[in-house]
Amino acid sequence: MTAHSGRPAKATLLQTIKAVCSAFMGVRRLEEQGAATLSPAKVIVVGIVCAALLVTTLIVVVRLVTG
């Protein structure tokens, strides 16, 4: 919100995607922690979408290689 409210700003969708992707790799930058609050609903949805994309990509790659 504003600087005067005392609350950290809510994370944007792009920040949520970056946080989920970095969590998939096991890496998270220190400056990202606490910079914005992540919405649990956004994290769950983005996590499910990223997991589905990862599985689909792996299936496609394996089918192309074994082909």
N, C-alpha and C. Protein backbone atom coordinates (compact mmCIF):
# COMPACT_ATOMS: atom_id res chain seq x y z
N MET A 1 0.83 -1.17 0.00
CA MET A 1 0.00 0.00 0.00
C MET A 1 0.89 1.25 0.00
N THR A 2 0.63 2.15 0.90
CA THR A 2 1.44 3.36 0.96
C THR A 2 2.55 3.17 1.99
N ALA A 3 3.49 4.06 1.94
CA ALA A 3 4.61 3.99 2.87
C ALA A 3 4.17 4.30 4.30
N HIS A 4 3.07 5.02 4.44
CA HIS A 4 2.61 5.42 5.77
C HIS A 4 1.76 4.37 6.47
N SER A 5 1.30 3.37 5.75
CA SER A 5 0.41 2.39 6.36
C SER A 5 1.15 1.39 7.24
N GLY A 6 2.46 1.25 7.05
CA GLY A 6 3.22 0.32 7.87
C GLY A 6 3.18 -1.11 7.37
N ARG A 7 2.43 -1.38 6.33
CA ARG A 7 2.35 -2.72 5.77
C ARG A 7 3.23 -2.81 4.52
N PRO A 8 3.85 -3.96 4.31
CA PRO A 8 4.61 -4.13 3.07
C PRO A 8 3.65 -4.25 1.90
N ALA A 9 4.12 -3.87 0.74
CA ALA A 9 3.28 -3.92 -0.46
C ALA A 9 3.02 -5.37 -0.85
N LYS A 10 1.85 -5.62 -1.44
CA LYS A 10 1.54 -6.96 -1.91
C LYS A 10 2.36 -7.25 -3.16
N ALA A 11 2.76 -8.50 -3.29
CA ALA A 11 3.57 -8.91 -4.42
C ALA A 11 2.74 -8.92 -5.70
N THR A 12 3.37 -8.52 -6.79
CA THR A 12 2.70 -8.59 -8.08
C THR A 12 2.74 -10.04 -8.58
N LEU A 13 2.02 -10.30 -9.67
CA LEU A 13 2.00 -11.64 -10.24
C LEU A 13 3.41 -12.04 -10.69
N LEU A 14 4.14 -11.12 -11.29
CA LEU A 14 5.50 -11.42 -11.75
C LEU A 14 6.42 -11.76 -10.57
N GLN A 15 6.30 -11.03 -9.47
CA GLN A 15 7.10 -11.33 -8.28
C GLN A 15 6.74 -12.70 -7.72
N THR A 16 5.47 -13.06 -7.78
CA THR A 16 5.03 -14.37 -7.30
C THR A 16 5.60 -15.47 -8.18
N ILE A 17 5.58 -15.26 -9.50
CA ILE A 17 6.13 -16.26 -10.43
C ILE A 17 7.63 -16.42 -10.18
N LYS A 18 8.34 -15.33 -10.00
CA LYS A 18 9.78 -15.40 -9.72
C LYS A 18 10.05 -16.16 -8.42
N ALA A 19 9.25 -15.89 -7.40
CA ALA A 19 9.45 -16.56 -6.11
C ALA A 19 9.19 -18.06 -6.22
N VAL A 20 8.13 -18.45 -6.96
CA VAL A 20 7.81 -19.87 -7.11
C VAL A 20 8.88 -20.57 -7.95
N CYS A 21 9.32 -19.94 -9.04
CA CYS A 21 10.35 -20.55 -9.88
C CYS A 21 11.67 -20.69 -9.14
N SER A 22 12.03 -19.70 -8.35
CA SER A 22 13.26 -19.82 -7.58
C SER A 22 13.12 -20.88 -6.49
N ALA A 23 11.92 -21.04 -5.95
CA ALA A 23 11.70 -22.09 -4.96
C ALA A 23 11.80 -23.48 -5.61
N PHE A 24 11.36 -23.60 -6.87
CA PHE A 24 11.50 -24.86 -7.59
C PHE A 24 12.97 -25.24 -7.72
N MET A 25 13.83 -24.23 -7.91
CA MET A 25 15.27 -24.49 -8.05
C MET A 25 15.98 -24.52 -6.71
N GLY A 26 15.32 -24.10 -5.66
CA GLY A 26 15.92 -24.11 -4.33
C GLY A 26 16.77 -22.90 -4.04
N VAL A 27 16.56 -21.84 -4.78
CA VAL A 27 17.36 -20.62 -4.63
C VAL A 27 16.42 -19.46 -4.38
N ARG A 28 16.79 -18.61 -3.45
CA ARG A 28 16.00 -17.40 -3.21
C ARG A 28 16.95 -16.29 -2.78
N ARG A 29 16.85 -15.16 -3.43
CA ARG A 29 17.72 -14.03 -3.10
C ARG A 29 17.29 -13.40 -1.78
N LEU A 30 18.27 -12.89 -1.06
CA LEU A 30 17.97 -12.29 0.23
C LEU A 30 17.13 -11.03 0.11
N GLU A 31 17.35 -10.24 -0.94
CA GLU A 31 16.59 -8.99 -1.05
C GLU A 31 15.13 -9.23 -1.40
N GLU A 32 14.79 -10.44 -1.90
CA GLU A 32 13.40 -10.75 -2.21
C GLU A 32 12.62 -11.09 -0.95
N GLN A 33 13.29 -11.59 0.06
CA GLN A 33 12.60 -11.99 1.28
C GLN A 33 12.12 -10.75 2.02
N GLY A 34 10.84 -10.69 2.24
CA GLY A 34 10.27 -9.58 2.98
C GLY A 34 10.05 -8.32 2.15
N ALA A 35 10.43 -8.33 0.89
CA ALA A 35 10.24 -7.14 0.07
C ALA A 35 8.76 -6.91 -0.20
N ALA A 36 8.02 -7.97 -0.35
CA ALA A 36 6.58 -7.87 -0.58
C ALA A 36 5.93 -9.12 -0.01
N THR A 37 4.70 -9.00 0.38
CA THR A 37 4.01 -10.16 0.93
C THR A 37 3.39 -10.96 -0.20
N LEU A 38 3.63 -12.25 -0.17
CA LEU A 38 3.08 -13.15 -1.17
C LEU A 38 1.71 -13.63 -0.72
N SER A 39 0.77 -13.60 -1.63
CA SER A 39 -0.57 -14.10 -1.34
C SER A 39 -0.55 -15.62 -1.45
N PRO A 40 -1.00 -16.34 -0.42
CA PRO A 40 -1.00 -17.81 -0.48
C PRO A 40 -1.79 -18.36 -1.67
N ALA A 41 -2.89 -17.71 -2.01
CA ALA A 41 -3.68 -18.18 -3.15
C ALA A 41 -2.90 -18.05 -4.45
N LYS A 42 -2.20 -16.93 -4.63
CA LYS A 42 -1.38 -16.75 -5.83
C LYS A 42 -0.25 -17.77 -5.88
N VAL A 43 0.38 -18.01 -4.75
CA VAL A 43 1.50 -18.96 -4.71
C VAL A 43 1.01 -20.36 -5.07
N ILE A 44 -0.14 -20.76 -4.57
CA ILE A 44 -0.67 -22.09 -4.86
C ILE A 44 -1.00 -22.23 -6.34
N VAL A 45 -1.70 -21.24 -6.89
CA VAL A 45 -2.08 -21.30 -8.31
C VAL A 45 -0.85 -21.29 -9.21
N VAL A 46 0.08 -20.39 -8.95
CA VAL A 46 1.30 -20.32 -9.76
C VAL A 46 2.12 -21.60 -9.60
N GLY A 47 2.17 -22.15 -8.40
CA GLY A 47 2.89 -23.40 -8.18
C GLY A 47 2.31 -24.56 -8.96
N ILE A 48 0.99 -24.66 -8.99
CA ILE A 48 0.33 -25.73 -9.74
C ILE A 48 0.59 -25.56 -11.24
N VAL A 49 0.49 -24.33 -11.73
CA VAL A 49 0.73 -24.09 -13.16
C VAL A 49 2.19 -24.40 -13.52
N CYS A 50 3.12 -23.97 -12.68
CA CYS A 50 4.54 -24.24 -12.95
C CYS A 50 4.84 -25.74 -12.89
N ALA A 51 4.25 -26.43 -11.95
CA ALA A 51 4.45 -27.89 -11.86
C ALA A 51 3.90 -28.59 -13.10
N ALA A 52 2.73 -28.16 -13.57
CA ALA A 52 2.14 -28.75 -14.78
C ALA A 52 3.02 -28.48 -16.00
N LEU A 53 3.55 -27.27 -16.09
CA LEU A 53 4.45 -26.94 -17.20
C LEU A 53 5.74 -27.77 -17.14
N LEU A 54 6.27 -27.95 -15.94
CA LEU A 54 7.49 -28.74 -15.78
C LEU A 54 7.25 -30.19 -16.20
N VAL A 55 6.18 -30.79 -15.75
CA VAL A 55 5.87 -32.18 -16.08
C VAL A 55 5.62 -32.32 -17.59
N THR A 56 4.88 -31.40 -18.16
CA THR A 56 4.61 -31.44 -19.61
C THR A 56 5.90 -31.32 -20.41
N THR A 57 6.77 -30.41 -20.00
CA THR A 57 8.05 -30.24 -20.68
C THR A 57 8.89 -31.50 -20.59
N LEU A 58 8.94 -32.11 -19.42
CA LEU A 58 9.72 -33.34 -19.26
C LEU A 58 9.16 -34.47 -20.13
N ILE A 59 7.85 -34.60 -20.19
CA ILE A 59 7.23 -35.64 -21.02
C ILE A 59 7.58 -35.42 -22.49
N VAL A 60 7.47 -34.18 -22.96
CA VAL A 60 7.77 -33.87 -24.35
C VAL A 60 9.24 -34.17 -24.67
N VAL A 61 10.14 -33.76 -23.79
CA VAL A 61 11.57 -34.00 -24.02
C VAL A 61 11.87 -35.50 -24.06
N VAL A 62 11.31 -36.25 -23.15
CA VAL A 62 11.54 -37.70 -23.12
C VAL A 62 11.00 -38.36 -24.38
N ARG A 63 9.84 -37.95 -24.83
CA ARG A 63 9.26 -38.53 -26.06
C ARG A 63 10.09 -38.16 -27.28
N LEU A 64 10.64 -36.94 -27.32
CA LEU A 64 11.49 -36.55 -28.43
C LEU A 64 12.80 -37.34 -28.45
N VAL A 65 13.36 -37.57 -27.29
CA VAL A 65 14.63 -38.28 -27.20
C VAL A 65 14.46 -39.76 -27.49
N THR A 66 13.41 -40.36 -26.96
CA THR A 66 13.22 -41.79 -27.15
C THR A 66 12.50 -42.12 -28.44
N GLY A 67 11.93 -41.15 -29.05
CA GLY A 67 11.20 -41.20 -30.17
C GLY A 67 10.78 -41.81 -31.29
